[in-house]
Every structure is written in structure tokens, then in C-alpha cells.
Amino acid sequence: MSKVNKPTREQAQEAVRTLIAWAGDNPDREGLIETPKRVVNAYQDFFSGYQEDPIKILGKTFDEVEGYSDIILIKNIRLESHCEHHMVPFIGTAHVAYLPRDKVVGISKIARLVDVFSKRLQTQETMTSQIANTLNDALKPRGVAVLIDANHQCMSTRGVHKVNSSTITTSFLGEFMVDQNLEKRFWNIIKIQSKEC
């Protein structure tokens, strides 16, 4: 990812004031006077993934697993991201699995990995690949499986206004890609059901 010249906090707040005025309201009225500051604070949280190194998160591993080599799956990891095309939220669930080769990583690190990539301007397709590829590069497991199921507000609050639609993306690497029985086990374990986000 190429570096950008990051604007100052004051420039970001002024940009919010401009958008408020462009929308047709007065950024100096009582209810909006603090809004630029609040929006910039919110954006710091929404897009905090740019400040973190996903490989570093997966850096601490454990070798003492008593020979465990079956699926490790962390399911139902809630994610909140923002569509890079409209900058509106998409909210959903990630299911992340891997087949360890000789080491494992703490389960909370998998959730943090999802957060690093979801807290950026994203497409769901790219994020799914990023999570799978990073886990694969960092741990060198025998296989990786990632499934994300999300509702996109660019579909529900604008444009086609399809409120109940959800988008599913997957990435299967290594043994999950070549062994259909393994892939079926992954699907059976997560048991995707319709949900509301």
C-alpha cells in the first residue's frame, strides 16, 4: 500500500464542515458545531487498522500442541468495515480456520487479524483474501479457510435498497482448496444461518 501525505486533524475537521455545508446545513449551528470533531474521532476508530501490522499480530506462536493437527476454527467473529466505494458500513461475521503444521497462534490474535483488515476502507472480497493470505504467510499452515458473511449499507440504505441481502465471500488455501471433504467439514462446523446485522 502506497504512503499518503496524511492531512492534519484540523484539515480533516474542516473537510467535515465542508460536507455539512454541501449537504445543505449550517456547520455553525448548535447541534453541528462539535460534529467535525466527533466525526474525526469516530474515523480514528473506524480506520485504526491502517496503524497496525497484521504480521506482527501473528508473530507470537506456540509449538507445544501435543501433536494437534486438526482444524482450528474461530467462528462468529463480528466485523465492522466501510465500503471503499461509498464509505458506508458493512457489518457481518467472519469464520477463520487453519490446519496447523507445527505451531499455533493465540485465538484472540485471529480476531485481531480480522479487525486490522476490517478497520480500513475495503471491499469484502479483498478483505477475505487479505485475512487468508496473511494467516497463510505468517503461520505456514497446511491450509486456511476464511468465510465472511456481511450486510452492506451501500445495498440497503442507498441505490437498490435491498435490506435483507447479504454477501458471502470465501478463500480456501492449501489442503482446504484441494480436499473437498475438508472443505465440507468447514461448512458443516460453521453452519451458516440467516442473520440480521
N, C-alpha and C. Protein backbone atom coordinates (compact mmCIF):
# COMPACT_ATOMS: atom_id res chain seq x y z
N MET A 1 0.85 -1.19 0.00
CA MET A 1 0.00 0.00 0.00
C MET A 1 0.88 1.24 0.00
N SER A 2 0.63 2.15 -0.92
CA SER A 2 1.47 3.34 -1.02
C SER A 2 1.14 4.34 0.09
N LYS A 3 2.18 5.04 0.53
CA LYS A 3 2.02 6.05 1.58
C LYS A 3 1.32 7.28 1.03
N VAL A 4 0.51 7.91 1.88
CA VAL A 4 -0.13 9.17 1.51
C VAL A 4 0.29 10.23 2.51
N ASN A 5 0.25 11.48 2.07
CA ASN A 5 0.50 12.58 2.99
C ASN A 5 -0.75 12.79 3.83
N LYS A 6 -0.66 12.43 5.10
CA LYS A 6 -1.83 12.47 5.97
C LYS A 6 -2.14 13.91 6.34
N PRO A 7 -3.38 14.35 6.08
CA PRO A 7 -3.77 15.71 6.48
C PRO A 7 -3.74 15.86 8.01
N THR A 8 -3.72 17.08 8.46
CA THR A 8 -3.78 17.34 9.91
C THR A 8 -5.19 17.10 10.40
N ARG A 9 -5.31 16.99 11.70
CA ARG A 9 -6.63 16.85 12.32
C ARG A 9 -7.51 18.05 11.97
N GLU A 10 -6.94 19.23 11.98
CA GLU A 10 -7.71 20.45 11.66
C GLU A 10 -8.21 20.42 10.22
N GLN A 11 -7.38 19.94 9.30
CA GLN A 11 -7.81 19.83 7.90
C GLN A 11 -8.95 18.82 7.76
N ALA A 12 -8.87 17.72 8.50
CA ALA A 12 -9.93 16.71 8.45
C ALA A 12 -11.24 17.30 8.99
N GLN A 13 -11.15 18.04 10.07
CA GLN A 13 -12.36 18.65 10.63
C GLN A 13 -12.95 19.68 9.67
N GLU A 14 -12.11 20.42 9.00
CA GLU A 14 -12.60 21.40 8.03
C GLU A 14 -13.29 20.70 6.86
N ALA A 15 -12.78 19.55 6.47
CA ALA A 15 -13.42 18.77 5.41
C ALA A 15 -14.82 18.33 5.81
N VAL A 16 -14.99 17.97 7.07
CA VAL A 16 -16.32 17.58 7.57
C VAL A 16 -17.25 18.79 7.54
N ARG A 17 -16.75 19.95 7.95
CA ARG A 17 -17.56 21.18 7.89
C ARG A 17 -18.01 21.45 6.45
N THR A 18 -17.12 21.24 5.50
CA THR A 18 -17.46 21.44 4.09
C THR A 18 -18.57 20.49 3.66
N LEU A 19 -18.49 19.23 4.07
CA LEU A 19 -19.53 18.26 3.71
C LEU A 19 -20.87 18.61 4.33
N ILE A 20 -20.85 19.09 5.57
CA ILE A 20 -22.10 19.52 6.21
C ILE A 20 -22.74 20.64 5.42
N ALA A 21 -21.93 21.63 5.04
CA ALA A 21 -22.45 22.75 4.26
C ALA A 21 -22.92 22.27 2.89
N TRP A 22 -22.19 21.36 2.26
CA TRP A 22 -22.57 20.83 0.96
C TRP A 22 -23.91 20.09 1.04
N ALA A 23 -24.14 19.41 2.18
CA ALA A 23 -25.40 18.69 2.37
C ALA A 23 -26.57 19.66 2.52
N GLY A 24 -26.28 20.93 2.83
CA GLY A 24 -27.34 21.92 2.92
C GLY A 24 -27.62 22.44 4.32
N ASP A 25 -26.74 22.10 5.27
CA ASP A 25 -26.96 22.55 6.65
C ASP A 25 -25.88 23.54 7.04
N ASN A 26 -26.06 24.13 8.21
CA ASN A 26 -25.15 25.15 8.72
C ASN A 26 -24.20 24.51 9.73
N PRO A 27 -22.91 24.36 9.40
CA PRO A 27 -21.99 23.72 10.34
C PRO A 27 -21.77 24.52 11.63
N ASP A 28 -22.26 25.77 11.67
CA ASP A 28 -22.08 26.58 12.87
C ASP A 28 -23.29 26.56 13.80
N ARG A 29 -24.34 25.84 13.41
CA ARG A 29 -25.49 25.79 14.33
C ARG A 29 -25.18 24.88 15.52
N GLU A 30 -25.92 25.07 16.62
CA GLU A 30 -25.59 24.44 17.89
C GLU A 30 -25.44 22.92 17.78
N GLY A 31 -26.35 22.27 17.10
CA GLY A 31 -26.31 20.80 17.03
C GLY A 31 -25.17 20.25 16.20
N LEU A 32 -24.55 21.09 15.36
CA LEU A 32 -23.49 20.61 14.47
C LEU A 32 -22.11 21.17 14.78
N ILE A 33 -22.03 22.10 15.70
CA ILE A 33 -20.76 22.80 15.93
C ILE A 33 -19.64 21.84 16.36
N GLU A 34 -19.98 20.79 17.12
CA GLU A 34 -18.97 19.82 17.57
C GLU A 34 -18.88 18.60 16.66
N THR A 35 -19.73 18.54 15.64
CA THR A 35 -19.77 17.36 14.78
C THR A 35 -18.45 17.07 14.06
N PRO A 36 -17.77 18.06 13.50
CA PRO A 36 -16.49 17.74 12.85
C PRO A 36 -15.51 17.03 13.78
N LYS A 37 -15.42 17.48 15.03
CA LYS A 37 -14.52 16.85 15.98
C LYS A 37 -14.97 15.41 16.26
N ARG A 38 -16.28 15.21 16.42
CA ARG A 38 -16.80 13.87 16.70
C ARG A 38 -16.57 12.92 15.52
N VAL A 39 -16.77 13.44 14.30
CA VAL A 39 -16.57 12.60 13.11
C VAL A 39 -15.11 12.17 13.00
N VAL A 40 -14.19 13.09 13.21
CA VAL A 40 -12.77 12.76 13.13
C VAL A 40 -12.41 11.73 14.20
N ASN A 41 -12.94 11.88 15.41
CA ASN A 41 -12.70 10.88 16.47
C ASN A 41 -13.23 9.51 16.05
N ALA A 42 -14.43 9.50 15.46
CA ALA A 42 -15.02 8.24 15.01
C ALA A 42 -14.17 7.61 13.91
N TYR A 43 -13.69 8.44 12.98
CA TYR A 43 -12.88 7.91 11.88
C TYR A 43 -11.57 7.32 12.39
N GLN A 44 -11.02 7.89 13.47
CA GLN A 44 -9.81 7.30 14.05
C GLN A 44 -10.06 5.87 14.48
N ASP A 45 -11.25 5.61 15.02
CA ASP A 45 -11.61 4.25 15.43
C ASP A 45 -11.96 3.39 14.22
N PHE A 46 -12.81 3.92 13.33
CA PHE A 46 -13.24 3.15 12.16
C PHE A 46 -12.06 2.65 11.33
N PHE A 47 -11.01 3.47 11.21
CA PHE A 47 -9.91 3.18 10.30
C PHE A 47 -8.58 2.96 11.02
N SER A 48 -8.67 2.45 12.25
CA SER A 48 -7.45 2.22 13.04
C SER A 48 -6.60 1.09 12.48
N GLY A 49 -7.13 0.28 11.58
CA GLY A 49 -6.38 -0.82 11.01
C GLY A 49 -5.18 -0.39 10.20
N TYR A 50 -5.19 0.85 9.72
CA TYR A 50 -4.04 1.34 8.96
C TYR A 50 -2.80 1.49 9.85
N GLN A 51 -3.00 1.57 11.15
CA GLN A 51 -1.88 1.81 12.07
C GLN A 51 -1.27 0.51 12.59
N GLU A 52 -1.82 -0.65 12.21
CA GLU A 52 -1.36 -1.92 12.77
C GLU A 52 -0.74 -2.81 11.70
N ASP A 53 0.22 -3.61 12.13
CA ASP A 53 0.91 -4.55 11.25
C ASP A 53 0.32 -5.95 11.47
N PRO A 54 -0.39 -6.51 10.50
CA PRO A 54 -1.04 -7.81 10.71
C PRO A 54 -0.05 -8.95 10.94
N ILE A 55 1.11 -8.90 10.30
CA ILE A 55 2.11 -9.95 10.51
C ILE A 55 2.63 -9.93 11.94
N LYS A 56 2.81 -8.73 12.47
CA LYS A 56 3.30 -8.60 13.85
C LYS A 56 2.30 -9.19 14.85
N ILE A 57 1.01 -9.02 14.58
CA ILE A 57 -0.03 -9.56 15.45
C ILE A 57 0.09 -11.08 15.56
N LEU A 58 0.47 -11.72 14.45
CA LEU A 58 0.57 -13.18 14.43
C LEU A 58 1.98 -13.67 14.77
N GLY A 59 2.83 -12.77 15.25
CA GLY A 59 4.23 -13.10 15.48
C GLY A 59 4.48 -14.07 16.62
N LYS A 60 3.68 -14.01 17.68
CA LYS A 60 3.92 -14.91 18.82
C LYS A 60 3.13 -16.19 18.61
N THR A 61 3.85 -17.31 18.51
CA THR A 61 3.21 -18.60 18.27
C THR A 61 3.60 -19.59 19.37
N PHE A 62 2.91 -20.73 19.38
CA PHE A 62 3.15 -21.76 20.38
C PHE A 62 3.42 -23.08 19.68
N ASP A 63 4.49 -23.75 20.11
CA ASP A 63 4.87 -25.03 19.49
C ASP A 63 4.34 -26.23 20.28
N GLU A 64 4.04 -26.05 21.57
CA GLU A 64 3.62 -27.17 22.40
C GLU A 64 2.12 -27.42 22.22
N VAL A 65 1.80 -28.27 21.25
CA VAL A 65 0.39 -28.57 20.96
C VAL A 65 0.10 -30.07 21.02
N GLU A 66 1.05 -30.84 21.58
CA GLU A 66 0.87 -32.30 21.74
C GLU A 66 0.50 -32.98 20.43
N GLY A 67 1.05 -32.51 19.34
CA GLY A 67 0.79 -33.14 18.05
C GLY A 67 -0.54 -32.79 17.41
N TYR A 68 -1.26 -31.80 17.96
CA TYR A 68 -2.57 -31.44 17.39
C TYR A 68 -2.38 -30.96 15.96
N SER A 69 -3.19 -31.52 15.03
CA SER A 69 -3.04 -31.16 13.62
C SER A 69 -4.37 -31.01 12.90
N ASP A 70 -5.48 -31.01 13.64
CA ASP A 70 -6.79 -30.90 13.00
C ASP A 70 -7.20 -29.43 12.88
N ILE A 71 -8.41 -29.21 12.40
CA ILE A 71 -8.91 -27.85 12.16
C ILE A 71 -8.93 -27.03 13.45
N ILE A 72 -8.43 -25.83 13.37
CA ILE A 72 -8.64 -24.82 14.40
C ILE A 72 -9.52 -23.76 13.76
N LEU A 73 -10.68 -23.54 14.34
CA LEU A 73 -11.67 -22.64 13.75
C LEU A 73 -12.15 -21.65 14.79
N ILE A 74 -12.03 -20.38 14.47
CA ILE A 74 -12.64 -19.32 15.29
C ILE A 74 -13.81 -18.81 14.47
N LYS A 75 -15.03 -19.02 14.97
CA LYS A 75 -16.19 -18.65 14.18
C LYS A 75 -16.95 -17.51 14.84
N ASN A 76 -17.82 -16.91 14.05
CA ASN A 76 -18.69 -15.81 14.52
C ASN A 76 -17.90 -14.62 15.05
N ILE A 77 -16.84 -14.24 14.33
CA ILE A 77 -16.08 -13.04 14.69
C ILE A 77 -16.79 -11.85 14.06
N ARG A 78 -17.41 -11.01 14.88
CA ARG A 78 -18.11 -9.85 14.35
C ARG A 78 -17.12 -8.89 13.72
N LEU A 79 -17.49 -8.36 12.57
CA LEU A 79 -16.64 -7.35 11.93
C LEU A 79 -17.49 -6.17 11.48
N GLU A 80 -16.86 -5.02 11.53
CA GLU A 80 -17.46 -3.77 11.07
C GLU A 80 -16.44 -3.11 10.16
N SER A 81 -16.83 -2.87 8.93
CA SER A 81 -15.92 -2.25 7.98
C SER A 81 -16.65 -1.17 7.20
N HIS A 82 -15.93 -0.54 6.29
CA HIS A 82 -16.51 0.52 5.47
C HIS A 82 -16.17 0.27 4.00
N CYS A 83 -17.21 0.29 3.18
CA CYS A 83 -17.07 0.10 1.74
C CYS A 83 -16.19 1.21 1.16
N GLU A 84 -15.19 0.83 0.40
CA GLU A 84 -14.29 1.84 -0.17
C GLU A 84 -14.93 2.62 -1.31
N HIS A 85 -16.07 2.16 -1.80
CA HIS A 85 -16.72 2.86 -2.90
C HIS A 85 -17.65 3.97 -2.42
N HIS A 86 -18.32 3.76 -1.26
CA HIS A 86 -19.28 4.76 -0.78
C HIS A 86 -18.99 5.23 0.64
N MET A 87 -17.99 4.61 1.29
CA MET A 87 -17.62 4.94 2.68
C MET A 87 -18.79 4.78 3.64
N VAL A 88 -19.65 3.79 3.38
CA VAL A 88 -20.70 3.44 4.32
C VAL A 88 -20.38 2.06 4.90
N PRO A 89 -20.95 1.74 6.08
CA PRO A 89 -20.56 0.50 6.75
C PRO A 89 -21.06 -0.76 6.05
N PHE A 90 -20.28 -1.82 6.22
CA PHE A 90 -20.82 -3.17 6.07
C PHE A 90 -20.43 -3.95 7.31
N ILE A 91 -21.39 -4.72 7.80
CA ILE A 91 -21.28 -5.36 9.11
C ILE A 91 -21.58 -6.84 8.94
N GLY A 92 -20.78 -7.67 9.55
CA GLY A 92 -21.02 -9.09 9.38
C GLY A 92 -20.21 -9.95 10.31
N THR A 93 -19.96 -11.17 9.84
CA THR A 93 -19.30 -12.19 10.65
C THR A 93 -18.23 -12.88 9.82
N ALA A 94 -17.09 -13.11 10.45
CA ALA A 94 -16.01 -13.86 9.81
C ALA A 94 -15.84 -15.20 10.53
N HIS A 95 -15.54 -16.22 9.74
CA HIS A 95 -15.20 -17.54 10.26
C HIS A 95 -13.82 -17.86 9.68
N VAL A 96 -12.85 -18.10 10.55
CA VAL A 96 -11.46 -18.27 10.11
C VAL A 96 -10.93 -19.59 10.67
N ALA A 97 -10.42 -20.44 9.76
CA ALA A 97 -9.89 -21.74 10.16
C ALA A 97 -8.51 -21.96 9.55
N TYR A 98 -7.72 -22.78 10.24
CA TYR A 98 -6.45 -23.21 9.65
C TYR A 98 -6.09 -24.59 10.17
N LEU A 99 -5.25 -25.28 9.41
CA LEU A 99 -4.72 -26.59 9.78
C LEU A 99 -3.26 -26.39 10.17
N PRO A 100 -2.93 -26.47 11.45
CA PRO A 100 -1.56 -26.17 11.87
C PRO A 100 -0.57 -27.20 11.32
N ARG A 101 0.63 -26.70 11.05
CA ARG A 101 1.70 -27.60 10.63
C ARG A 101 2.55 -27.97 11.85
N ASP A 102 3.10 -26.98 12.51
CA ASP A 102 3.93 -27.27 13.69
C ASP A 102 3.79 -26.20 14.76
N LYS A 103 2.90 -25.24 14.57
CA LYS A 103 2.72 -24.19 15.57
C LYS A 103 1.32 -23.61 15.45
N VAL A 104 0.86 -23.02 16.55
CA VAL A 104 -0.45 -22.38 16.58
C VAL A 104 -0.27 -20.96 17.10
N VAL A 105 -1.32 -20.16 16.92
CA VAL A 105 -1.31 -18.78 17.40
C VAL A 105 -2.47 -18.62 18.37
N GLY A 106 -2.33 -17.71 19.32
CA GLY A 106 -3.41 -17.47 20.27
C GLY A 106 -4.71 -17.11 19.54
N ILE A 107 -5.83 -17.64 20.01
CA ILE A 107 -7.09 -17.46 19.28
C ILE A 107 -7.51 -16.00 19.19
N SER A 108 -7.17 -15.19 20.19
CA SER A 108 -7.54 -13.78 20.12
C SER A 108 -6.81 -13.06 18.99
N LYS A 109 -5.65 -13.60 18.60
CA LYS A 109 -4.89 -12.96 17.52
C LYS A 109 -5.62 -13.08 16.19
N ILE A 110 -6.39 -14.15 16.01
CA ILE A 110 -7.17 -14.30 14.78
C ILE A 110 -8.25 -13.22 14.72
N ALA A 111 -8.91 -12.98 15.84
CA ALA A 111 -9.91 -11.91 15.88
C ALA A 111 -9.27 -10.55 15.62
N ARG A 112 -8.08 -10.33 16.17
CA ARG A 112 -7.38 -9.06 15.92
C ARG A 112 -6.98 -8.92 14.46
N LEU A 113 -6.61 -10.04 13.84
CA LEU A 113 -6.27 -10.01 12.42
C LEU A 113 -7.47 -9.56 11.59
N VAL A 114 -8.64 -10.08 11.92
CA VAL A 114 -9.86 -9.66 11.23
C VAL A 114 -10.08 -8.17 11.43
N ASP A 115 -9.88 -7.68 12.66
CA ASP A 115 -10.07 -6.26 12.94
C ASP A 115 -9.11 -5.37 12.15
N VAL A 116 -7.86 -5.80 12.03
CA VAL A 116 -6.87 -4.98 11.31
C VAL A 116 -7.35 -4.69 9.89
N PHE A 117 -7.83 -5.72 9.21
CA PHE A 117 -8.25 -5.51 7.82
C PHE A 117 -9.65 -4.93 7.70
N SER A 118 -10.52 -5.20 8.67
CA SER A 118 -11.88 -4.64 8.58
C SER A 118 -11.88 -3.15 8.91
N LYS A 119 -10.93 -2.71 9.72
CA LYS A 119 -10.88 -1.29 10.10
C LYS A 119 -10.05 -0.49 9.09
N ARG A 120 -10.40 -0.69 7.83
CA ARG A 120 -9.82 0.04 6.71
C ARG A 120 -10.92 0.23 5.68
N LEU A 121 -10.73 1.14 4.74
CA LEU A 121 -11.63 1.21 3.60
C LEU A 121 -11.40 -0.06 2.79
N GLN A 122 -12.48 -0.80 2.50
CA GLN A 122 -12.31 -2.15 2.00
C GLN A 122 -13.39 -2.54 1.00
N THR A 123 -13.10 -3.60 0.26
CA THR A 123 -14.15 -4.43 -0.33
C THR A 123 -14.13 -5.74 0.43
N GLN A 124 -15.26 -6.38 0.51
CA GLN A 124 -15.32 -7.65 1.24
C GLN A 124 -14.44 -8.70 0.59
N GLU A 125 -14.41 -8.69 -0.73
CA GLU A 125 -13.61 -9.68 -1.45
C GLU A 125 -12.12 -9.54 -1.11
N THR A 126 -11.63 -8.29 -1.12
CA THR A 126 -10.22 -8.05 -0.81
C THR A 126 -9.91 -8.44 0.63
N MET A 127 -10.78 -8.06 1.55
CA MET A 127 -10.55 -8.36 2.96
C MET A 127 -10.49 -9.87 3.20
N THR A 128 -11.35 -10.63 2.55
CA THR A 128 -11.35 -12.08 2.70
C THR A 128 -10.00 -12.66 2.28
N SER A 129 -9.50 -12.20 1.14
CA SER A 129 -8.19 -12.67 0.66
C SER A 129 -7.06 -12.22 1.58
N GLN A 130 -7.12 -10.98 2.05
CA GLN A 130 -6.06 -10.46 2.92
C GLN A 130 -5.93 -11.28 4.20
N ILE A 131 -7.07 -11.60 4.81
CA ILE A 131 -7.05 -12.39 6.05
C ILE A 131 -6.44 -13.77 5.78
N ALA A 132 -6.91 -14.43 4.72
CA ALA A 132 -6.42 -15.78 4.41
C ALA A 132 -4.93 -15.76 4.06
N ASN A 133 -4.52 -14.84 3.21
CA ASN A 133 -3.12 -14.80 2.77
C ASN A 133 -2.17 -14.45 3.90
N THR A 134 -2.59 -13.53 4.78
CA THR A 134 -1.73 -13.14 5.90
C THR A 134 -1.55 -14.30 6.87
N LEU A 135 -2.65 -14.99 7.18
CA LEU A 135 -2.56 -16.16 8.06
C LEU A 135 -1.67 -17.24 7.44
N ASN A 136 -1.80 -17.43 6.15
CA ASN A 136 -1.00 -18.41 5.43
C ASN A 136 0.49 -18.03 5.44
N ASP A 137 0.78 -16.76 5.19
CA ASP A 137 2.17 -16.30 5.16
C ASP A 137 2.83 -16.36 6.53
N ALA A 138 2.06 -16.00 7.57
CA ALA A 138 2.64 -15.90 8.91
C ALA A 138 2.84 -17.26 9.57
N LEU A 139 1.89 -18.18 9.41
CA LEU A 139 1.95 -19.46 10.13
C LEU A 139 2.43 -20.62 9.27
N LYS A 140 2.40 -20.46 7.94
CA LYS A 140 2.74 -21.57 7.04
C LYS A 140 1.96 -22.84 7.40
N PRO A 141 0.64 -22.73 7.57
CA PRO A 141 -0.14 -23.91 7.95
C PRO A 141 -0.35 -24.82 6.74
N ARG A 142 -0.96 -25.97 6.96
CA ARG A 142 -1.27 -26.88 5.85
C ARG A 142 -2.45 -26.39 5.04
N GLY A 143 -3.27 -25.54 5.63
CA GLY A 143 -4.41 -24.99 4.90
C GLY A 143 -5.08 -23.88 5.68
N VAL A 144 -5.81 -23.03 4.96
CA VAL A 144 -6.54 -21.90 5.55
C VAL A 144 -7.90 -21.83 4.90
N ALA A 145 -8.92 -21.51 5.71
CA ALA A 145 -10.27 -21.28 5.18
C ALA A 145 -10.84 -20.04 5.85
N VAL A 146 -11.36 -19.13 5.04
CA VAL A 146 -11.98 -17.90 5.55
C VAL A 146 -13.32 -17.72 4.85
N LEU A 147 -14.34 -17.47 5.64
CA LEU A 147 -15.66 -17.14 5.10
C LEU A 147 -16.16 -15.88 5.80
N ILE A 148 -16.62 -14.92 5.01
CA ILE A 148 -17.22 -13.70 5.57
C ILE A 148 -18.63 -13.55 5.02
N ASP A 149 -19.57 -13.28 5.91
CA ASP A 149 -20.98 -13.07 5.57
C ASP A 149 -21.35 -11.69 6.11
N ALA A 150 -21.68 -10.76 5.22
CA ALA A 150 -21.89 -9.37 5.66
C ALA A 150 -23.05 -8.71 4.94
N ASN A 151 -23.65 -7.76 5.65
CA ASN A 151 -24.70 -6.90 5.10
C ASN A 151 -24.09 -5.54 4.80
N HIS A 152 -24.34 -5.06 3.58
CA HIS A 152 -23.72 -3.83 3.10
C HIS A 152 -24.75 -2.71 3.05
N GLN A 153 -24.46 -1.62 3.75
CA GLN A 153 -25.39 -0.49 3.75
C GLN A 153 -25.41 0.24 2.41
N CYS A 154 -24.38 0.02 1.58
CA CYS A 154 -24.45 0.60 0.24
C CYS A 154 -25.52 -0.12 -0.59
N MET A 155 -25.95 -1.30 -0.14
CA MET A 155 -27.05 -2.02 -0.78
C MET A 155 -28.38 -1.73 -0.10
N SER A 156 -28.35 -1.48 1.21
CA SER A 156 -29.60 -1.38 1.97
C SER A 156 -30.09 0.04 2.20
N THR A 157 -29.18 1.03 2.25
CA THR A 157 -29.59 2.40 2.57
C THR A 157 -29.51 3.35 1.38
N ARG A 158 -29.03 2.87 0.26
CA ARG A 158 -28.94 3.70 -0.95
C ARG A 158 -29.08 2.78 -2.16
N GLY A 159 -29.10 3.35 -3.32
CA GLY A 159 -29.11 2.54 -4.54
C GLY A 159 -30.33 1.63 -4.62
N VAL A 160 -30.10 0.31 -4.62
CA VAL A 160 -31.20 -0.64 -4.83
C VAL A 160 -32.05 -0.89 -3.59
N HIS A 161 -31.61 -0.45 -2.41
CA HIS A 161 -32.37 -0.58 -1.15
C HIS A 161 -32.84 -2.01 -0.90
N LYS A 162 -31.92 -2.97 -0.98
CA LYS A 162 -32.23 -4.37 -0.70
C LYS A 162 -31.79 -4.69 0.73
N VAL A 163 -32.73 -4.52 1.66
CA VAL A 163 -32.43 -4.54 3.09
C VAL A 163 -31.98 -5.92 3.57
N ASN A 164 -32.55 -6.98 3.05
CA ASN A 164 -32.28 -8.32 3.58
C ASN A 164 -31.18 -9.07 2.84
N SER A 165 -30.48 -8.41 1.94
CA SER A 165 -29.43 -9.11 1.20
C SER A 165 -28.17 -9.23 2.05
N SER A 166 -27.44 -10.31 1.83
CA SER A 166 -26.14 -10.44 2.47
C SER A 166 -25.17 -11.01 1.44
N THR A 167 -23.91 -10.74 1.64
CA THR A 167 -22.87 -11.17 0.70
C THR A 167 -21.93 -12.14 1.40
N ILE A 168 -21.67 -13.27 0.76
CA ILE A 168 -20.75 -14.27 1.30
C ILE A 168 -19.54 -14.36 0.39
N THR A 169 -18.35 -14.29 0.99
CA THR A 169 -17.10 -14.47 0.26
C THR A 169 -16.27 -15.52 0.99
N THR A 170 -15.49 -16.27 0.22
CA THR A 170 -14.66 -17.32 0.80
C THR A 170 -13.26 -17.29 0.20
N SER A 171 -12.32 -17.81 0.96
CA SER A 171 -10.98 -18.06 0.45
C SER A 171 -10.49 -19.36 1.07
N PHE A 172 -10.13 -20.33 0.23
CA PHE A 172 -9.61 -21.61 0.67
C PHE A 172 -8.20 -21.78 0.12
N LEU A 173 -7.25 -22.06 0.99
CA LEU A 173 -5.86 -22.23 0.60
C LEU A 173 -5.35 -23.59 1.08
N GLY A 174 -4.35 -24.09 0.42
CA GLY A 174 -3.72 -25.34 0.83
C GLY A 174 -4.68 -26.51 0.79
N GLU A 175 -4.68 -27.31 1.85
CA GLU A 175 -5.50 -28.52 1.88
C GLU A 175 -6.99 -28.22 1.81
N PHE A 176 -7.42 -27.07 2.31
CA PHE A 176 -8.84 -26.72 2.21
C PHE A 176 -9.26 -26.53 0.75
N MET A 177 -8.31 -26.17 -0.10
CA MET A 177 -8.62 -25.93 -1.50
C MET A 177 -8.68 -27.24 -2.30
N VAL A 178 -7.87 -28.21 -1.90
CA VAL A 178 -7.78 -29.43 -2.71
C VAL A 178 -8.56 -30.61 -2.14
N ASP A 179 -8.92 -30.56 -0.86
CA ASP A 179 -9.61 -31.67 -0.22
C ASP A 179 -11.08 -31.29 0.01
N GLN A 180 -11.97 -31.81 -0.82
CA GLN A 180 -13.39 -31.45 -0.72
C GLN A 180 -14.00 -31.89 0.60
N ASN A 181 -13.55 -33.00 1.15
CA ASN A 181 -14.09 -33.45 2.44
C ASN A 181 -13.72 -32.48 3.55
N LEU A 182 -12.53 -31.94 3.48
CA LEU A 182 -12.10 -30.96 4.47
C LEU A 182 -12.92 -29.68 4.34
N GLU A 183 -13.14 -29.25 3.10
CA GLU A 183 -13.98 -28.07 2.89
C GLU A 183 -15.39 -28.30 3.41
N LYS A 184 -15.94 -29.51 3.20
CA LYS A 184 -17.29 -29.82 3.70
C LYS A 184 -17.33 -29.78 5.22
N ARG A 185 -16.27 -30.28 5.85
CA ARG A 185 -16.22 -30.23 7.32
C ARG A 185 -16.26 -28.78 7.80
N PHE A 186 -15.52 -27.91 7.11
CA PHE A 186 -15.53 -26.49 7.46
C PHE A 186 -16.95 -25.94 7.39
N TRP A 187 -17.64 -26.19 6.27
CA TRP A 187 -19.02 -25.70 6.12
C TRP A 187 -19.94 -26.28 7.19
N ASN A 188 -19.79 -27.55 7.49
CA ASN A 188 -20.65 -28.19 8.49
C ASN A 188 -20.43 -27.62 9.88
N ILE A 189 -19.18 -27.31 10.19
CA ILE A 189 -18.88 -26.77 11.52
C ILE A 189 -19.48 -25.37 11.70
N ILE A 190 -19.35 -24.53 10.68
CA ILE A 190 -19.83 -23.16 10.87
C ILE A 190 -21.34 -23.05 10.75
N LYS A 191 -21.98 -23.96 9.97
CA LYS A 191 -23.45 -23.99 9.87
C LYS A 191 -24.01 -22.58 9.70
N ILE A 192 -23.74 -21.97 8.55
CA ILE A 192 -24.23 -20.62 8.26
C ILE A 192 -25.74 -20.58 8.30
N GLN A 193 -26.27 -19.65 9.07
CA GLN A 193 -27.71 -19.43 9.13
C GLN A 193 -27.98 -17.97 8.82
N SER A 194 -29.20 -17.69 8.34
CA SER A 194 -29.53 -16.30 8.05
C SER A 194 -29.51 -15.52 9.36
N LYS A 195 -29.11 -14.26 9.27
CA LYS A 195 -28.98 -13.44 10.46
C LYS A 195 -29.25 -11.99 10.09
N GLU A 196 -29.39 -11.19 11.10
CA GLU A 196 -29.51 -9.75 10.90
C GLU A 196 -28.34 -9.09 11.57
N CYS A 197 -27.76 -8.11 10.87
CA CYS A 197 -26.65 -7.36 11.47
C CYS A 197 -27.12 -5.96 11.79
